[in-house]
C-alpha atoms as a PDB file:
ATOM      1  CA  MET A   1     -93.960 -33.844  -4.113  1.00  0.00           C
ATOM      2  CA  VAL A   2     -97.329 -33.099  -2.425  1.00  0.00           C
ATOM      3  CA  ASP A   3     -95.702 -30.117  -0.669  1.00  0.00           C
ATOM      4  CA  ASN A   4     -94.518 -28.696  -4.014  1.00  0.00           C
ATOM      5  CA  LEU A   5     -98.016 -28.997  -5.440  1.00  0.00           C
ATOM      6  CA  LYS A   6     -99.414 -27.253  -2.400  1.00  0.00           C
ATOM      7  CA  GLU A   7     -96.897 -24.512  -2.856  1.00  0.00           C
ATOM      8  CA  LYS A   8     -97.696 -24.218  -6.559  1.00  0.00           C
ATOM      9  CA  ALA A   9    -101.453 -23.822  -5.691  1.00  0.00           C
ATOM     10  CA  ASP A  10    -100.671 -21.253  -2.978  1.00  0.00           C
ATOM     11  CA  GLU A  11     -98.618 -19.239  -5.458  1.00  0.00           C
ATOM     12  CA  MET A  12    -101.322 -19.516  -8.128  1.00  0.00           C
ATOM     13  CA  GLU A  13    -103.808 -18.154  -5.589  1.00  0.00           C
ATOM     14  CA  LYS A  14    -101.400 -15.297  -4.703  1.00  0.00           C
ATOM     15  CA  VAL A  15    -101.297 -14.474  -8.486  1.00  0.00           C
ATOM     16  CA  ARG A  16    -105.079 -14.425  -8.709  1.00  0.00           C
ATOM     17  CA  GLN A  17    -105.256 -12.101  -5.718  1.00  0.00           C
ATOM     18  CA  GLU A  18    -102.439  -9.774  -7.021  1.00  0.00           C
ATOM     19  CA  VAL A  19    -104.230  -9.159 -10.311  1.00  0.00           C
ATOM     20  CA  PRO A  20    -107.484  -7.413  -9.524  1.00  0.00           C
ATOM     21  CA  ALA A  21    -110.476  -8.326 -11.437  1.00  0.00           C
ATOM     22  CA  GLU A  22    -112.229  -5.477 -13.038  1.00  0.00           C
ATOM     23  CA  ALA A  23    -115.951  -5.297 -12.660  1.00  0.00           C
ATOM     24  CA  PRO A  24    -117.767  -5.557 -16.111  1.00  0.00           C
ATOM     25  CA  VAL A  25    -119.947  -2.655 -17.094  1.00  0.00           C
ATOM     26  CA  THR A  26    -123.528  -3.707 -17.427  1.00  0.00           C
ATOM     27  CA  PRO A  27    -126.428  -1.783 -19.106  1.00  0.00           C
ATOM     28  CA  LYS A  28    -128.204  -1.507 -15.762  1.00  0.00           C
ATOM     29  CA  GLU A  29    -125.317   0.474 -14.188  1.00  0.00           C
ATOM     30  CA  THR A  30    -124.840   2.975 -16.993  1.00  0.00           C
ATOM     31  CA  GLY A  31    -128.360   3.239 -18.027  1.00  0.00           C
ATOM     32  CA  SER A  32    -127.487   2.501 -21.742  1.00  0.00           C
ATOM     33  CA  LYS A  33    -125.757  -0.262 -23.630  1.00  0.00           C
ATOM     34  CA  PRO A  34    -122.090  -0.600 -22.952  1.00  0.00           C
ATOM     35  CA  LYS A  35    -119.881   0.899 -25.720  1.00  0.00           C
ATOM     36  CA  ALA A  36    -117.864  -1.364 -27.894  1.00  0.00           C
ATOM     37  CA  SER A  37    -114.637   0.293 -26.736  1.00  0.00           C
ATOM     38  CA  THR A  38    -115.298  -0.628 -23.063  1.00  0.00           C
ATOM     39  CA  LEU A  39    -115.885  -4.269 -24.056  1.00  0.00           C
ATOM     40  CA  ILE A  40    -112.591  -4.284 -25.971  1.00  0.00           C
ATOM     41  CA  ASP A  41    -110.864  -2.519 -23.138  1.00  0.00           C
ATOM     42  CA  GLY A  42    -112.187  -5.147 -20.727  1.00  0.00           C
ATOM     43  CA  ALA A  43    -111.113  -7.937 -23.127  1.00  0.00           C
ATOM     44  CA  ASN A  44    -107.587  -6.452 -23.433  1.00  0.00           C
ATOM     45  CA  ALA A  45    -107.343  -6.166 -19.612  1.00  0.00           C
ATOM     46  CA  ALA A  46    -108.371  -9.818 -19.233  1.00  0.00           C
ATOM     47  CA  ALA A  47    -105.924 -10.856 -21.832  1.00  0.00           C
ATOM     48  CA  GLU A  48    -103.137  -8.996 -19.973  1.00  0.00           C
ATOM     49  CA  ARG A  49    -104.128 -10.679 -16.739  1.00  0.00           C
ATOM     50  CA  LEU A  50    -104.122 -14.031 -18.418  1.00  0.00           C
ATOM     51  CA  GLU A  51    -100.671 -13.426 -19.893  1.00  0.00           C
ATOM     52  CA  GLU A  52     -99.318 -12.434 -16.376  1.00  0.00           C
ATOM     53  CA  ALA A  53    -100.804 -15.531 -14.853  1.00  0.00           C
ATOM     54  CA  ASN A  54     -99.331 -17.719 -17.694  1.00  0.00           C
ATOM     55  CA  LYS A  55     -95.893 -16.177 -17.187  1.00  0.00           C
ATOM     56  CA  LYS A  56     -95.995 -16.920 -13.504  1.00  0.00           C
ATOM     57  CA  MET A  57     -97.269 -20.433 -14.206  1.00  0.00           C
ATOM     58  CA  GLU A  58     -94.473 -21.026 -16.593  1.00  0.00           C
ATOM     59  CA  GLU A  59     -92.017 -19.926 -13.967  1.00  0.00           C
ATOM     60  CA  LEU A  60     -93.561 -22.342 -11.319  1.00  0.00           C
ATOM     61  CA  ILE A  61     -93.539 -25.289 -13.821  1.00  0.00           C
ATOM     62  CA  THR A  62     -89.843 -24.628 -14.529  1.00  0.00           C
ATOM     63  CA  ARG A  63     -89.040 -24.545 -10.882  1.00  0.00           C
ATOM     64  CA  GLN A  64     -90.997 -27.752 -10.389  1.00  0.00           C
ATOM     65  CA  GLU A  65     -89.107 -29.368 -13.168  1.00  0.00           C
ATOM     66  CA  GLU A  66     -85.822 -28.315 -11.679  1.00  0.00           C
ATOM     67  CA  ALA A  67     -86.711 -29.586  -8.290  1.00  0.00           C
ATOM     68  CA  THR A  68     -87.685 -32.978  -9.715  1.00  0.00           C
ATOM     69  CA  ALA A  69     -84.615 -33.283 -11.691  1.00  0.00           C
ATOM     70  CA  LYS A  70     -82.439 -32.461  -8.560  1.00  0.00           C
ATOM     71  CA  ALA A  71     -84.370 -34.969  -6.531  1.00  0.00           C
ATOM     72  CA  MET A  72     -83.861 -37.664  -9.311  1.00  0.00           C
ATOM     73  CA  LEU A  73     -80.109 -36.878  -9.484  1.00  0.00           C
ATOM     74  CA  GLY A  74     -79.790 -36.850  -5.705  1.00  0.00           C
ATOM     75  CA  SER A  75     -81.466 -40.299  -5.358  1.00  0.00           C
ATOM     76  CA  LYS A  76     -84.123 -38.695  -3.160  1.00  0.00           C
ATOM     77  CA  VAL A  77     -86.846 -40.371  -5.387  1.00  0.00           C
ATOM     78  CA  ASP A  78     -85.594 -43.970  -4.680  1.00  0.00           C
ATOM     79  CA  ARG A  79     -85.731 -43.571  -0.855  1.00  0.00           C
ATOM     80  CA  GLY A  80     -88.136 -45.800   0.890  1.00  0.00           C
ATOM     81  CA  GLN A  81     -87.813 -48.541  -1.725  1.00  0.00           C
ATOM     82  CA  VAL A  82     -86.797 -51.971  -0.414  1.00  0.00           C
ATOM     83  CA  PRO A  83     -83.759 -53.364  -2.190  1.00  0.00           C
ATOM     84  CA  GLU A  84     -84.170 -56.723  -4.023  1.00  0.00           C
ATOM     85  CA  VAL A  85     -82.942 -59.713  -2.143  1.00  0.00           C
ATOM     86  CA  THR A  86     -81.025 -62.275  -4.351  1.00  0.00           C
ATOM     87  CA  GLN A  87     -81.709 -65.924  -4.319  1.00  0.00           C
ATOM     88  CA  GLU A  88     -78.155 -66.475  -2.746  1.00  0.00           C
ATOM     89  CA  GLU A  89     -79.023 -64.172   0.159  1.00  0.00           C
ATOM     90  CA  LYS A  90     -82.295 -65.947   0.663  1.00  0.00           C
ATOM     91  CA  ASP A  91     -80.589 -69.306   0.811  1.00  0.00           C
ATOM     92  CA  LYS A  92     -78.027 -68.025   3.299  1.00  0.00           C
ATOM     93  CA  GLU A  93     -80.816 -66.716   5.608  1.00  0.00           C
ATOM     94  CA  ALA A  94     -82.651 -70.104   5.370  1.00  0.00           C
ATOM     95  CA  VAL A  95     -79.560 -72.044   6.241  1.00  0.00           C
ATOM     96  CA  ASP A  96     -78.835 -69.603   9.175  1.00  0.00           C
ATOM     97  CA  LYS A  97     -82.346 -70.026  10.479  1.00  0.00           C
ATOM     98  CA  MET A  98     -82.134 -73.918  10.294  1.00  0.00           C
ATOM     99  CA  LEU A  99     -78.755 -73.929  12.065  1.00  0.00           C
ATOM    100  CA  ASN A 100     -80.095 -71.623  14.788  1.00  0.00           C
ATOM    101  CA  THR A 101     -83.296 -73.617  15.284  1.00  0.00           C
ATOM    102  CA  TYR A 102     -81.559 -77.045  15.673  1.00  0.00           C
ATOM    103  CA  SER A 103     -78.686 -75.761  17.749  1.00  0.00           C
END
């Protein structure tokens, strides 16, 4: 489960690196106030990047859900748990210990 989270984080970082961030235009760089159209263009570009990142995140979540479901169906989730010991089994063990101790 931890490995899957690490993989998801790595893939998210790759997505961030794939989508280049555009440098905002500042008044100091142009010598005048930025035009409204450049602000809108920048906002549109940012929205597109967010949509792309959301699509990739949705794919990753779907893959994670599928992996979890397969693990649960394959009983991989229950590994490492100690099975319950019934009272009858405890009694048998106690009798065996007593017989072995006094023999």
